[in-house]
C-alpha atoms as a PDB file:
ATOM      1  CA  MET A   1       0.000   0.000   0.000  1.00  0.00           C
ATOM      2  CA  TYR A   2       2.825   2.344   0.934  1.00  0.00           C
ATOM      3  CA  ILE A   3       4.641   1.584  -2.318  1.00  0.00           C
ATOM      4  CA  LYS A   4       1.479   2.335  -4.293  1.00  0.00           C
ATOM      5  CA  LYS A   5       1.241   5.738  -2.639  1.00  0.00           C
ATOM      6  CA  ILE A   6       4.838   6.481  -3.491  1.00  0.00           C
ATOM      7  CA  LEU A   7       4.282   5.464  -7.086  1.00  0.00           C
ATOM      8  CA  LEU A   8       1.111   7.541  -7.287  1.00  0.00           C
ATOM      9  CA  ALA A   9       2.851  10.573  -5.802  1.00  0.00           C
ATOM     10  CA  THR A  10       5.741  10.101  -8.199  1.00  0.00           C
ATOM     11  CA  ALA A  11       3.331   9.890 -11.114  1.00  0.00           C
ATOM     12  CA  ILE A  12       1.529  13.019 -10.002  1.00  0.00           C
ATOM     13  CA  LEU A  13       4.808  14.900  -9.619  1.00  0.00           C
ATOM     14  CA  GLY A  14       5.836  13.660 -13.050  1.00  0.00           C
ATOM     15  CA  LEU A  15       2.597  14.909 -14.539  1.00  0.00           C
ATOM     16  CA  ILE A  16       3.054  18.273 -12.835  1.00  0.00           C
ATOM     17  CA  ALA A  17       6.637  18.499 -14.112  1.00  0.00           C
ATOM     18  CA  ALA A  18       5.504  17.498 -17.583  1.00  0.00           C
ATOM     19  CA  ALA A  19       2.776  20.116 -17.434  1.00  0.00           C
ATOM     20  CA  PHE A  20       5.291  22.771 -16.413  1.00  0.00           C
ATOM     21  CA  PHE A  21       7.654  21.651 -19.167  1.00  0.00           C
ATOM     22  CA  ALA A  22       4.851  21.616 -21.735  1.00  0.00           C
ATOM     23  CA  ASN A  23       3.830  25.084 -20.617  1.00  0.00           C
ATOM     24  CA  PHE A  24       7.429  26.256 -20.944  1.00  0.00           C
ATOM     25  CA  VAL A  25       7.738  24.696 -24.382  1.00  0.00           C
ATOM     26  CA  TYR A  26       4.480  26.301 -25.476  1.00  0.00           C
ATOM     27  CA  LYS A  27       5.313  29.756 -24.115  1.00  0.00           C
ATOM     28  CA  ALA A  28       8.951  29.717 -25.128  1.00  0.00           C
ATOM     29  CA  MET A  29       8.838  27.890 -28.431  1.00  0.00           C
ATOM     30  CA  LEU A  30       5.312  27.484 -29.819  1.00  0.00           C
ATOM     31  CA  LYS A  31       3.298  30.511 -28.713  1.00  0.00           C
ATOM     32  CA  PRO A  32       3.306  33.576 -31.014  1.00  0.00           C
ATOM     33  CA  ASN A  33       5.197  36.346 -29.227  1.00  0.00           C
ATOM     34  CA  THR A  34       5.037  39.464 -31.407  1.00  0.00           C
ATOM     35  CA  ALA A  35       3.435  42.699 -30.214  1.00  0.00           C
ATOM     36  CA  PHE A  36       3.317  44.742 -33.433  1.00  0.00           C
ATOM     37  CA  ASN A  37       0.499  45.048 -35.967  1.00  0.00           C
ATOM     38  CA  ASN A  38       2.528  45.394 -39.163  1.00  0.00           C
ATOM     39  CA  GLU A  39       3.347  42.301 -41.175  1.00  0.00           C
ATOM     40  CA  SER A  40       7.052  42.650 -40.360  1.00  0.00           C
ATOM     41  CA  ALA A  41       9.468  44.510 -38.126  1.00  0.00           C
ATOM     42  CA  TYR A  42      13.226  44.781 -38.551  1.00  0.00           C
ATOM     43  CA  VAL A  43      16.079  44.812 -36.083  1.00  0.00           C
ATOM     44  CA  PHE A  44      19.562  46.090 -36.869  1.00  0.00           C
ATOM     45  CA  ILE A  45      22.176  44.335 -34.773  1.00  0.00           C
ATOM     46  CA  PRO A  46      25.523  46.170 -34.690  1.00  0.00           C
ATOM     47  CA  THR A  47      28.898  44.499 -34.983  1.00  0.00           C
ATOM     48  CA  ASN A  48      30.049  43.153 -31.584  1.00  0.00           C
ATOM     49  CA  ALA A  49      26.628  43.795 -30.035  1.00  0.00           C
ATOM     50  CA  THR A  50      25.904  42.382 -26.590  1.00  0.00           C
ATOM     51  CA  TYR A  51      22.786  40.385 -25.752  1.00  0.00           C
ATOM     52  CA  GLN A  52      21.441  43.377 -23.797  1.00  0.00           C
ATOM     53  CA  GLU A  53      21.726  45.560 -26.904  1.00  0.00           C
ATOM     54  CA  VAL A  54      19.778  42.999 -28.916  1.00  0.00           C
ATOM     55  CA  ARG A  55      17.246  42.606 -26.110  1.00  0.00           C
ATOM     56  CA  SER A  56      16.615  46.366 -25.950  1.00  0.00           C
ATOM     57  CA  GLN A  57      15.632  46.344 -29.621  1.00  0.00           C
ATOM     58  CA  LEU A  58      13.429  43.285 -29.251  1.00  0.00           C
ATOM     59  CA  GLU A  59      11.608  44.230 -26.065  1.00  0.00           C
ATOM     60  CA  PRO A  60       9.161  46.735 -27.674  1.00  0.00           C
ATOM     61  CA  LEU A  61       8.392  44.173 -30.379  1.00  0.00           C
ATOM     62  CA  LEU A  62       7.576  41.210 -28.102  1.00  0.00           C
ATOM     63  CA  LEU A  63       4.652  40.375 -25.827  1.00  0.00           C
ATOM     64  CA  ASP A  64       6.805  38.468 -23.340  1.00  0.00           C
ATOM     65  CA  ILE A  65      10.491  39.310 -23.230  1.00  0.00           C
ATOM     66  CA  ASP A  66      11.109  36.989 -20.252  1.00  0.00           C
ATOM     67  CA  SER A  67      10.099  33.867 -22.168  1.00  0.00           C
ATOM     68  CA  PHE A  68      12.374  34.994 -24.971  1.00  0.00           C
ATOM     69  CA  ASP A  69      15.246  35.375 -22.481  1.00  0.00           C
ATOM     70  CA  ASP A  70      14.678  31.832 -21.235  1.00  0.00           C
ATOM     71  CA  LEU A  71      14.831  30.290 -24.686  1.00  0.00           C
ATOM     72  CA  ALA A  72      17.731  32.480 -25.801  1.00  0.00           C
ATOM     73  CA  GLU A  73      19.718  31.215 -22.827  1.00  0.00           C
ATOM     74  CA  ARG A  74      18.853  27.577 -23.530  1.00  0.00           C
ATOM     75  CA  LYS A  75      19.796  27.950 -27.198  1.00  0.00           C
ATOM     76  CA  GLU A  76      23.029  29.795 -26.245  1.00  0.00           C
ATOM     77  CA  TYR A  77      22.105  32.736 -28.473  1.00  0.00           C
ATOM     78  CA  SER A  78      23.996  35.223 -26.286  1.00  0.00           C
ATOM     79  CA  SER A  79      27.288  33.576 -27.328  1.00  0.00           C
ATOM     80  CA  ASN A  80      26.324  33.421 -30.997  1.00  0.00           C
ATOM     81  CA  ILE A  81      25.125  36.949 -31.827  1.00  0.00           C
ATOM     82  CA  LYS A  82      25.505  37.899 -35.486  1.00  0.00           C
ATOM     83  CA  ALA A  83      25.466  41.467 -36.776  1.00  0.00           C
ATOM     84  CA  GLY A  84      23.051  42.381 -39.534  1.00  0.00           C
ATOM     85  CA  ARG A  85      19.538  43.343 -40.525  1.00  0.00           C
ATOM     86  CA  TYR A  86      16.893  40.816 -39.581  1.00  0.00           C
ATOM     87  CA  GLU A  87      13.173  40.449 -40.184  1.00  0.00           C
ATOM     88  CA  ILE A  88      10.674  39.473 -37.517  1.00  0.00           C
ATOM     89  CA  LYS A  89       7.309  38.529 -38.967  1.00  0.00           C
ATOM     90  CA  LYS A  90       4.029  39.024 -37.199  1.00  0.00           C
ATOM     91  CA  GLY A  91       3.048  35.891 -35.288  1.00  0.00           C
ATOM     92  CA  MET A  92       6.552  34.460 -34.967  1.00  0.00           C
ATOM     93  CA  THR A  93       7.397  32.353 -31.931  1.00  0.00           C
ATOM     94  CA  ASN A  94      10.502  32.890 -29.814  1.00  0.00           C
ATOM     95  CA  ASN A  95      12.115  29.955 -31.575  1.00  0.00           C
ATOM     96  CA  ASP A  96      11.340  31.473 -34.984  1.00  0.00           C
ATOM     97  CA  ILE A  97      12.750  34.815 -33.898  1.00  0.00           C
ATOM     98  CA  ILE A  98      15.996  33.326 -32.575  1.00  0.00           C
ATOM     99  CA  ASN A  99      16.467  31.303 -35.749  1.00  0.00           C
ATOM    100  CA  SER A 100      15.873  34.440 -37.819  1.00  0.00           C
ATOM    101  CA  ILE A 101      18.265  36.764 -35.980  1.00  0.00           C
ATOM    102  CA  ARG A 102      20.905  34.077 -35.782  1.00  0.00           C
ATOM    103  CA  SER A 103      21.176  33.120 -39.439  1.00  0.00           C
ATOM    104  CA  ARG A 104      18.997  35.155 -41.804  1.00  0.00           C
ATOM    105  CA  ASN A 105      20.880  38.389 -42.388  1.00  0.00           C
ATOM    106  CA  LEU A 106      18.932  40.276 -45.055  1.00  0.00           C
ATOM    107  CA  PRO A 107      20.626  42.486 -47.678  1.00  0.00           C
ATOM    108  CA  ILE A 108      19.539  46.058 -48.334  1.00  0.00           C
ATOM    109  CA  LYS A 109      19.379  48.132 -51.491  1.00  0.00           C
ATOM    110  CA  LEU A 110      21.947  50.888 -51.114  1.00  0.00           C
ATOM    111  CA  ALA A 111      21.477  53.788 -53.544  1.00  0.00           C
ATOM    112  CA  PHE A 112      23.222  57.079 -54.251  1.00  0.00           C
ATOM    113  CA  ASN A 113      23.431  59.595 -57.073  1.00  0.00           C
ATOM    114  CA  ASN A 114      24.577  63.124 -57.828  1.00  0.00           C
ATOM    115  CA  GLN A 115      26.767  63.493 -54.757  1.00  0.00           C
ATOM    116  CA  GLU A 116      28.954  66.574 -55.057  1.00  0.00           C
ATOM    117  CA  SER A 117      31.937  65.280 -53.092  1.00  0.00           C
ATOM    118  CA  LEU A 118      33.384  62.276 -51.316  1.00  0.00           C
ATOM    119  CA  GLU A 119      32.254  63.796 -48.016  1.00  0.00           C
ATOM    120  CA  LYS A 120      28.641  64.002 -49.151  1.00  0.00           C
ATOM    121  CA  LEU A 121      28.822  60.514 -50.617  1.00  0.00           C
ATOM    122  CA  ALA A 122      30.123  59.189 -47.293  1.00  0.00           C
ATOM    123  CA  GLY A 123      27.273  60.915 -45.502  1.00  0.00           C
ATOM    124  CA  ARG A 124      24.699  59.458 -47.873  1.00  0.00           C
ATOM    125  CA  VAL A 125      26.092  55.921 -47.610  1.00  0.00           C
ATOM    126  CA  SER A 126      26.420  56.066 -43.809  1.00  0.00           C
ATOM    127  CA  MET A 127      22.659  56.572 -43.555  1.00  0.00           C
ATOM    128  CA  GLN A 128      22.140  53.189 -45.211  1.00  0.00           C
ATOM    129  CA  ILE A 129      24.786  50.858 -43.727  1.00  0.00           C
ATOM    130  CA  GLU A 130      26.470  50.411 -40.360  1.00  0.00           C
ATOM    131  CA  ALA A 131      29.761  52.108 -41.336  1.00  0.00           C
ATOM    132  CA  ASP A 132      29.882  55.760 -40.232  1.00  0.00           C
ATOM    133  CA  SER A 133      30.807  58.681 -42.455  1.00  0.00           C
ATOM    134  CA  ILE A 134      34.199  59.211 -40.772  1.00  0.00           C
ATOM    135  CA  SER A 135      35.386  55.663 -41.455  1.00  0.00           C
ATOM    136  CA  LEU A 136      33.991  55.838 -44.986  1.00  0.00           C
ATOM    137  CA  ILE A 137      35.768  59.071 -45.884  1.00  0.00           C
ATOM    138  CA  GLU A 138      39.015  57.721 -44.417  1.00  0.00           C
ATOM    139  CA  VAL A 139      39.046  54.686 -46.699  1.00  0.00           C
ATOM    140  CA  MET A 140      37.795  56.672 -49.680  1.00  0.00           C
ATOM    141  CA  LYS A 141      40.735  59.069 -49.370  1.00  0.00           C
ATOM    142  CA  ASP A 142      43.357  56.500 -48.396  1.00  0.00           C
ATOM    143  CA  ALA A 143      46.411  57.561 -50.391  1.00  0.00           C
ATOM    144  CA  THR A 144      47.834  54.053 -50.785  1.00  0.00           C
ATOM    145  CA  PHE A 145      44.563  52.654 -52.093  1.00  0.00           C
ATOM    146  CA  LEU A 146      44.132  55.544 -54.530  1.00  0.00           C
ATOM    147  CA  LYS A 147      47.655  55.223 -55.898  1.00  0.00           C
ATOM    148  CA  GLU A 148      47.438  51.448 -56.282  1.00  0.00           C
ATOM    149  CA  ASN A 149      44.234  51.769 -58.293  1.00  0.00           C
ATOM    150  CA  GLY A 150      45.140  54.722 -60.491  1.00  0.00           C
ATOM    151  CA  PHE A 151      43.156  57.453 -58.739  1.00  0.00           C
ATOM    152  CA  THR A 152      43.959  60.759 -57.124  1.00  0.00           C
ATOM    153  CA  GLU A 153      41.874  62.489 -54.486  1.00  0.00           C
ATOM    154  CA  ALA A 154      40.536  64.718 -57.283  1.00  0.00           C
ATOM    155  CA  THR A 155      39.388  61.763 -59.392  1.00  0.00           C
ATOM    156  CA  ALA A 156      38.383  59.385 -56.567  1.00  0.00           C
ATOM    157  CA  LEU A 157      34.708  60.352 -56.745  1.00  0.00           C
ATOM    158  CA  GLY A 158      34.615  58.824 -60.216  1.00  0.00           C
ATOM    159  CA  MET A 159      35.120  55.356 -58.747  1.00  0.00           C
ATOM    160  CA  TYR A 160      31.589  55.422 -57.345  1.00  0.00           C
ATOM    161  CA  ILE A 161      29.122  54.853 -60.169  1.00  0.00           C
ATOM    162  CA  PRO A 162      25.676  56.179 -59.163  1.00  0.00           C
ATOM    163  CA  ASN A 163      23.194  53.334 -59.002  1.00  0.00           C
ATOM    164  CA  SER A 164      21.554  50.990 -56.497  1.00  0.00           C
ATOM    165  CA  TYR A 165      23.554  48.084 -55.090  1.00  0.00           C
ATOM    166  CA  GLU A 166      22.930  45.145 -52.783  1.00  0.00           C
ATOM    167  CA  PHE A 167      24.832  45.216 -49.485  1.00  0.00           C
ATOM    168  CA  TYR A 168      24.451  43.755 -46.038  1.00  0.00           C
ATOM    169  CA  TRP A 169      23.619  46.445 -43.496  1.00  0.00           C
ATOM    170  CA  ASN A 170      26.636  45.513 -41.347  1.00  0.00           C
ATOM    171  CA  THR A 171      29.043  46.230 -44.224  1.00  0.00           C
ATOM    172  CA  SER A 172      32.292  47.864 -43.110  1.00  0.00           C
ATOM    173  CA  ALA A 173      33.749  50.958 -44.769  1.00  0.00           C
ATOM    174  CA  GLN A 174      36.553  48.938 -46.353  1.00  0.00           C
ATOM    175  CA  THR A 175      34.185  46.276 -47.674  1.00  0.00           C
ATOM    176  CA  PHE A 176      32.004  49.010 -49.181  1.00  0.00           C
ATOM    177  CA  ARG A 177      35.010  50.553 -50.911  1.00  0.00           C
ATOM    178  CA  GLU A 178      36.245  47.209 -52.265  1.00  0.00           C
ATOM    179  CA  LYS A 179      32.851  46.312 -53.690  1.00  0.00           C
ATOM    180  CA  MET A 180      32.539  49.728 -55.337  1.00  0.00           C
ATOM    181  CA  LEU A 181      35.939  49.213 -56.960  1.00  0.00           C
ATOM    182  CA  THR A 182      34.664  45.896 -58.310  1.00  0.00           C
ATOM    183  CA  GLU A 183      31.531  47.618 -59.615  1.00  0.00           C
ATOM    184  CA  TYR A 184      33.666  50.344 -61.201  1.00  0.00           C
ATOM    185  CA  LYS A 185      35.740  47.757 -63.064  1.00  0.00           C
ATOM    186  CA  ARG A 186      32.570  45.980 -64.150  1.00  0.00           C
ATOM    187  CA  PHE A 187      31.128  49.274 -65.423  1.00  0.00           C
ATOM    188  CA  TRP A 188      34.268  49.958 -67.437  1.00  0.00           C
ATOM    189  CA  ASN A 189      33.819  46.911 -69.628  1.00  0.00           C
ATOM    190  CA  SER A 190      35.670  46.357 -72.906  1.00  0.00           C
ATOM    191  CA  ALA A 191      33.030  48.205 -74.934  1.00  0.00           C
ATOM    192  CA  ARG A 192      33.283  51.380 -72.834  1.00  0.00           C
ATOM    193  CA  LEU A 193      37.071  51.190 -72.726  1.00  0.00           C
ATOM    194  CA  GLU A 194      37.195  50.964 -76.517  1.00  0.00           C
ATOM    195  CA  LYS A 195      34.948  54.007 -76.849  1.00  0.00           C
ATOM    196  CA  ALA A 196      37.108  55.964 -74.417  1.00  0.00           C
ATOM    197  CA  LYS A 197      40.207  55.003 -76.386  1.00  0.00           C
ATOM    198  CA  ALA A 198      38.531  56.148 -79.605  1.00  0.00           C
ATOM    199  CA  ILE A 199      38.155  59.689 -78.249  1.00  0.00           C
ATOM    200  CA  GLY A 200      41.647  59.656 -76.752  1.00  0.00           C
ATOM    201  CA  MET A 201      40.593  59.578 -73.108  1.00  0.00           C
ATOM    202  CA  ALA A 202      41.248  57.427 -70.078  1.00  0.00           C
ATOM    203  CA  PRO A 203      38.241  56.463 -67.905  1.00  0.00           C
ATOM    204  CA  ASP A 204      39.037  59.104 -65.272  1.00  0.00           C
ATOM    205  CA  GLU A 205      39.121  61.782 -67.988  1.00  0.00           C
ATOM    206  CA  VAL A 206      35.782  60.603 -69.327  1.00  0.00           C
ATOM    207  CA  MET A 207      34.369  60.831 -65.803  1.00  0.00           C
ATOM    208  CA  THR A 208      35.730  64.359 -65.383  1.00  0.00           C
ATOM    209  CA  LEU A 209      34.175  65.561 -68.625  1.00  0.00           C
ATOM    210  CA  ALA A 210      30.937  63.721 -67.829  1.00  0.00           C
ATOM    211  CA  SER A 211      30.725  65.577 -64.515  1.00  0.00           C
ATOM    212  CA  ILE A 212      30.799  68.864 -66.434  1.00  0.00           C
ATOM    213  CA  VAL A 213      28.234  67.655 -68.977  1.00  0.00           C
ATOM    214  CA  HIS A 214      25.929  66.534 -66.186  1.00  0.00           C
ATOM    215  CA  GLU A 215      26.201  69.866 -64.386  1.00  0.00           C
ATOM    216  CA  GLU A 216      25.422  71.674 -67.633  1.00  0.00           C
ATOM    217  CA  SER A 217      22.287  69.667 -68.363  1.00  0.00           C
ATOM    218  CA  LYS A 218      20.177  67.052 -66.610  1.00  0.00           C
ATOM    219  CA  GLN A 219      18.372  66.379 -69.921  1.00  0.00           C
ATOM    220  CA  ALA A 220      19.649  62.982 -71.055  1.00  0.00           C
ATOM    221  CA  GLN A 221      18.632  63.588 -74.684  1.00  0.00           C
ATOM    222  CA  GLU A 222      20.720  66.769 -74.805  1.00  0.00           C
ATOM    223  CA  GLN A 223      23.849  65.507 -73.047  1.00  0.00           C
ATOM    224  CA  PRO A 224      25.450  63.851 -76.136  1.00  0.00           C
ATOM    225  CA  ARG A 225      25.257  67.170 -77.993  1.00  0.00           C
ATOM    226  CA  ILE A 226      26.820  69.084 -75.097  1.00  0.00           C
ATOM    227  CA  ALA A 227      29.526  66.445 -74.835  1.00  0.00           C
ATOM    228  CA  GLY A 228      30.151  66.919 -78.552  1.00  0.00           C
ATOM    229  CA  VAL A 229      30.681  70.656 -78.028  1.00  0.00           C
ATOM    230  CA  TYR A 230      33.319  70.073 -75.374  1.00  0.00           C
ATOM    231  CA  LEU A 231      35.073  67.390 -77.395  1.00  0.00           C
ATOM    232  CA  ASN A 232      35.165  69.774 -80.365  1.00  0.00           C
ATOM    233  CA  ARG A 233      36.793  72.406 -78.165  1.00  0.00           C
ATOM    234  CA  LEU A 234      39.340  69.946 -76.834  1.00  0.00           C
ATOM    235  CA  ARG A 235      40.263  68.828 -80.348  1.00  0.00           C
ATOM    236  CA  ILE A 236      41.082  72.362 -81.510  1.00  0.00           C
ATOM    237  CA  GLY A 237      42.778  73.416 -78.259  1.00  0.00           C
ATOM    238  CA  MET A 238      40.013  75.814 -77.292  1.00  0.00           C
ATOM    239  CA  PRO A 239      39.429  76.340 -73.544  1.00  0.00           C
ATOM    240  CA  LEU A 240      36.380  74.484 -72.301  1.00  0.00           C
ATOM    241  CA  GLN A 241      34.990  77.687 -70.761  1.00  0.00           C
ATOM    242  CA  ALA A 242      32.548  75.634 -68.714  1.00  0.00           C
ATOM    243  CA  ASP A 243      30.559  77.685 -66.214  1.00  0.00           C
ATOM    244  CA  PRO A 244      30.044  74.743 -63.820  1.00  0.00           C
ATOM    245  CA  THR A 245      33.812  74.566 -63.304  1.00  0.00           C
ATOM    246  CA  LEU A 246      33.809  78.239 -62.287  1.00  0.00           C
ATOM    247  CA  LYS A 247      31.104  77.545 -59.716  1.00  0.00           C
ATOM    248  CA  PHE A 248      33.102  74.587 -58.396  1.00  0.00           C
ATOM    249  CA  ALA A 249      36.218  76.746 -58.095  1.00  0.00           C
ATOM    250  CA  ALA A 250      34.249  79.476 -56.345  1.00  0.00           C
ATOM    251  CA  TYR A 251      32.718  77.100 -53.821  1.00  0.00           C
ATOM    252  CA  GLN A 252      36.217  76.120 -52.659  1.00  0.00           C
ATOM    253  CA  LEU A 253      36.752  79.708 -51.445  1.00  0.00           C
ATOM    254  CA  PRO A 254      35.602  80.968 -48.021  1.00  0.00           C
ATOM    255  CA  LYS A 255      33.921  83.906 -49.744  1.00  0.00           C
ATOM    256  CA  TYR A 256      31.390  81.648 -51.416  1.00  0.00           C
ATOM    257  CA  LYS A 257      30.824  79.193 -48.572  1.00  0.00           C
ATOM    258  CA  ASP A 258      27.127  78.447 -48.014  1.00  0.00           C
ATOM    259  CA  THR A 259      26.117  80.476 -51.066  1.00  0.00           C
ATOM    260  CA  VAL A 260      24.384  79.496 -54.288  1.00  0.00           C
ATOM    261  CA  ILE A 261      25.704  81.017 -57.501  1.00  0.00           C
ATOM    262  CA  LYS A 262      22.766  81.387 -59.873  1.00  0.00           C
ATOM    263  CA  ARG A 263      24.511  83.612 -62.379  1.00  0.00           C
ATOM    264  CA  VAL A 264      28.130  83.316 -63.486  1.00  0.00           C
ATOM    265  CA  LEU A 265      29.756  86.749 -63.670  1.00  0.00           C
ATOM    266  CA  ASN A 266      33.061  88.054 -65.018  1.00  0.00           C
ATOM    267  CA  ILE A 267      34.422  88.194 -61.458  1.00  0.00           C
ATOM    268  CA  HIS A 268      34.152  84.396 -61.321  1.00  0.00           C
ATOM    269  CA  LYS A 269      36.276  84.101 -64.443  1.00  0.00           C
ATOM    270  CA  ASP A 270      39.178  85.702 -62.566  1.00  0.00           C
ATOM    271  CA  ILE A 271      39.298  83.035 -59.835  1.00  0.00           C
ATOM    272  CA  ASP A 272      42.773  81.540 -59.589  1.00  0.00           C
ATOM    273  CA  SER A 273      42.100  77.809 -59.703  1.00  0.00           C
ATOM    274  CA  PRO A 274      43.095  74.832 -61.887  1.00  0.00           C
ATOM    275  CA  TYR A 275      39.324  74.279 -62.204  1.00  0.00           C
ATOM    276  CA  ASN A 276      38.904  77.633 -63.939  1.00  0.00           C
ATOM    277  CA  THR A 277      38.470  76.374 -67.500  1.00  0.00           C
ATOM    278  CA  TYR A 278      38.343  79.928 -68.812  1.00  0.00           C
ATOM    279  CA  LYS A 279      41.966  80.397 -67.744  1.00  0.00           C
ATOM    280  CA  HIS A 280      43.286  76.867 -68.232  1.00  0.00           C
ATOM    281  CA  ARG A 281      43.010  74.748 -71.358  1.00  0.00           C
ATOM    282  CA  GLY A 282      42.076  71.098 -71.261  1.00  0.00           C
ATOM    283  CA  LEU A 283      40.266  69.185 -68.571  1.00  0.00           C
ATOM    284  CA  PRO A 284      40.353  70.258 -64.915  1.00  0.00           C
ATOM    285  CA  PRO A 285      42.202  68.007 -62.426  1.00  0.00           C
ATOM    286  CA  GLY A 286      39.147  65.958 -61.544  1.00  0.00           C
ATOM    287  CA  LEU A 287      35.408  65.681 -61.201  1.00  0.00           C
ATOM    288  CA  ILE A 288      33.309  68.636 -60.098  1.00  0.00           C
ATOM    289  CA  ALA A 289      30.400  66.363 -59.068  1.00  0.00           C
ATOM    290  CA  MET A 290      29.145  62.833 -59.538  1.00  0.00           C
ATOM    291  CA  PRO A 291      27.779  62.358 -63.074  1.00  0.00           C
ATOM    292  CA  ASP A 292      24.820  60.177 -63.928  1.00  0.00           C
ATOM    293  CA  ILE A 293      25.469  57.152 -66.092  1.00  0.00           C
ATOM    294  CA  SER A 294      23.613  58.984 -68.881  1.00  0.00           C
ATOM    295  CA  ALA A 295      26.267  61.726 -68.857  1.00  0.00           C
ATOM    296  CA  ILE A 296      29.121  59.218 -68.848  1.00  0.00           C
ATOM    297  CA  ASP A 297      27.657  57.406 -71.831  1.00  0.00           C
ATOM    298  CA  ALA A 298      26.951  60.770 -73.491  1.00  0.00           C
ATOM    299  CA  VAL A 299      30.692  61.462 -73.540  1.00  0.00           C
ATOM    300  CA  LEU A 300      31.407  57.979 -74.892  1.00  0.00           C
ATOM    301  CA  ASN A 301      28.643  58.295 -77.495  1.00  0.00           C
ATOM    302  CA  SER A 302      28.779  62.007 -78.195  1.00  0.00           C
ATOM    303  CA  GLU A 303      26.934  63.584 -81.065  1.00  0.00           C
ATOM    304  CA  THR A 304      29.066  64.419 -84.081  1.00  0.00           C
ATOM    305  CA  HIS A 305      28.502  68.023 -85.151  1.00  0.00           C
ATOM    306  CA  LYS A 306      30.301  71.348 -85.658  1.00  0.00           C
ATOM    307  CA  TYR A 307      28.879  73.262 -82.712  1.00  0.00           C
ATOM    308  CA  LEU A 308      31.403  75.075 -80.537  1.00  0.00           C
ATOM    309  CA  TYR A 309      29.017  77.003 -78.297  1.00  0.00           C
ATOM    310  CA  PHE A 310      25.800  76.662 -76.356  1.00  0.00           C
ATOM    311  CA  ALA A 311      23.740  78.868 -74.069  1.00  0.00           C
ATOM    312  CA  ALA A 312      20.732  78.209 -71.866  1.00  0.00           C
ATOM    313  CA  ASP A 313      17.408  78.621 -73.654  1.00  0.00           C
ATOM    314  CA  ALA A 314      15.160  81.126 -71.864  1.00  0.00           C
ATOM    315  CA  LYS A 315      12.100  79.764 -73.682  1.00  0.00           C
ATOM    316  CA  ARG A 316      12.828  76.110 -72.808  1.00  0.00           C
ATOM    317  CA  LEU A 317      14.312  76.140 -69.348  1.00  0.00           C
ATOM    318  CA  GLY A 318      16.599  73.181 -68.772  1.00  0.00           C
ATOM    319  CA  PHE A 319      17.570  73.073 -72.446  1.00  0.00           C
ATOM    320  CA  HIS A 320      20.124  74.955 -74.550  1.00  0.00           C
ATOM    321  CA  LYS A 321      20.603  76.726 -77.851  1.00  0.00           C
ATOM    322  CA  PHE A 322      23.645  75.631 -79.843  1.00  0.00           C
ATOM    323  CA  ALA A 323      25.775  77.704 -82.208  1.00  0.00           C
ATOM    324  CA  LYS A 324      28.651  77.181 -84.620  1.00  0.00           C
ATOM    325  CA  THR A 325      29.818  80.790 -84.566  1.00  0.00           C
ATOM    326  CA  LEU A 326      30.669  83.194 -81.759  1.00  0.00           C
ATOM    327  CA  SER A 327      28.338  85.868 -83.109  1.00  0.00           C
ATOM    328  CA  GLN A 328      25.354  83.524 -83.039  1.00  0.00           C
ATOM    329  CA  HIS A 329      26.346  82.335 -79.584  1.00  0.00           C
ATOM    330  CA  ASN A 330      26.544  85.911 -78.279  1.00  0.00           C
ATOM    331  CA  MET A 331      23.001  86.508 -79.463  1.00  0.00           C
ATOM    332  CA  ASN A 332      21.798  83.389 -77.668  1.00  0.00           C
ATOM    333  CA  ALA A 333      23.728  84.290 -74.523  1.00  0.00           C
ATOM    334  CA  ARG A 334      22.364  87.847 -74.439  1.00  0.00           C
ATOM    335  CA  ALA A 335      18.815  86.519 -74.708  1.00  0.00           C
ATOM    336  CA  TYR A 336      19.371  84.343 -71.655  1.00  0.00           C
ATOM    337  CA  GLN A 337      21.087  87.137 -69.722  1.00  0.00           C
ATOM    338  CA  ARG A 338      18.061  89.352 -70.363  1.00  0.00           C
ATOM    339  CA  TYR A 339      15.855  86.587 -68.992  1.00  0.00           C
ATOM    340  CA  LEU A 340      17.955  86.330 -65.814  1.00  0.00           C
ATOM    341  CA  SER A 341      17.795  90.098 -65.322  1.00  0.00           C
ATOM    342  CA  SER A 342      14.025  90.059 -65.798  1.00  0.00           C
ATOM    343  CA  GLN A 343      13.803  87.501 -63.002  1.00  0.00           C
ATOM    344  CA  GLY A 344      15.961  89.601 -60.672  1.00  0.00           C
ATOM    345  CA  ILE A 345      18.782  87.058 -60.751  1.00  0.00           C
ATOM    346  CA  ASN A 346      21.927  89.145 -60.526  1.00  0.00           C
ATOM    347  CA  LYS A 347      24.394  86.827 -58.792  1.00  0.00           C
END
């Protein structure tokens, strides 16, 4: 009789333990534990993050953070934290969540265009990946890297082809730079290299001219004609006389800091700078901004014509009037200057 009681008590205790274990399994592993209403939420786990850092991101997203802690400890997640961007779907269990943030790092689409400098590019990129702008600008301007790959600080911006790319959020500054170099080499395929050779330019020279073309016009259909004008000038040894290069030169001076030059004046033509293409023949030392791919290909596929001049068209803003002679160009230029004056644009 006594033995039967012991066996019964043991059975009851076993059932209670099993019930507790089943409850734990249900709460920790099988019960949905998300507290948000959207279909998905994302967590961004930094490199070398601690479990507490991960937990602080998860806590607002979960109904029961304690049950998550219990399972995370049992699955030894705290010693196996992986940096990255992870998705948590509505209705996930703790087990689902741990499996997701342990092994399903999701890539992002990183995009940039029309950045005016390496500093602004670094700022734009740092808003999309883990690497900060300081580390990005350091690797972008690294003298050894630039020399080994045929760039200078003036031409380095040309290595970053504006587009959208797939990266992991936890990408380091150096990894970003190396992938962009790979993309640059892929962009400069044999067909583009042959076209550059045909016009007597290296890729960095094409990029420099494209930056001027792009600053002159954002109209893709007009860019090949503008490129043709500048190539005509280069062929005959005529100065480029590109107003965007004057603006670039001016913006390097304290006098013009935080200003916007809407009208190029004769005073700008006197600026002492290698980027002053009124004073110096040939291409400037490097890019004045990041050109779109359309402008790069416009230089490589420029329109063949005899135009040597162009001026903004007051009747079709954003477009230009082209001329073969200086007298015709002066007429076009005066018409646009009158338009600027009528709008009160004097500087």
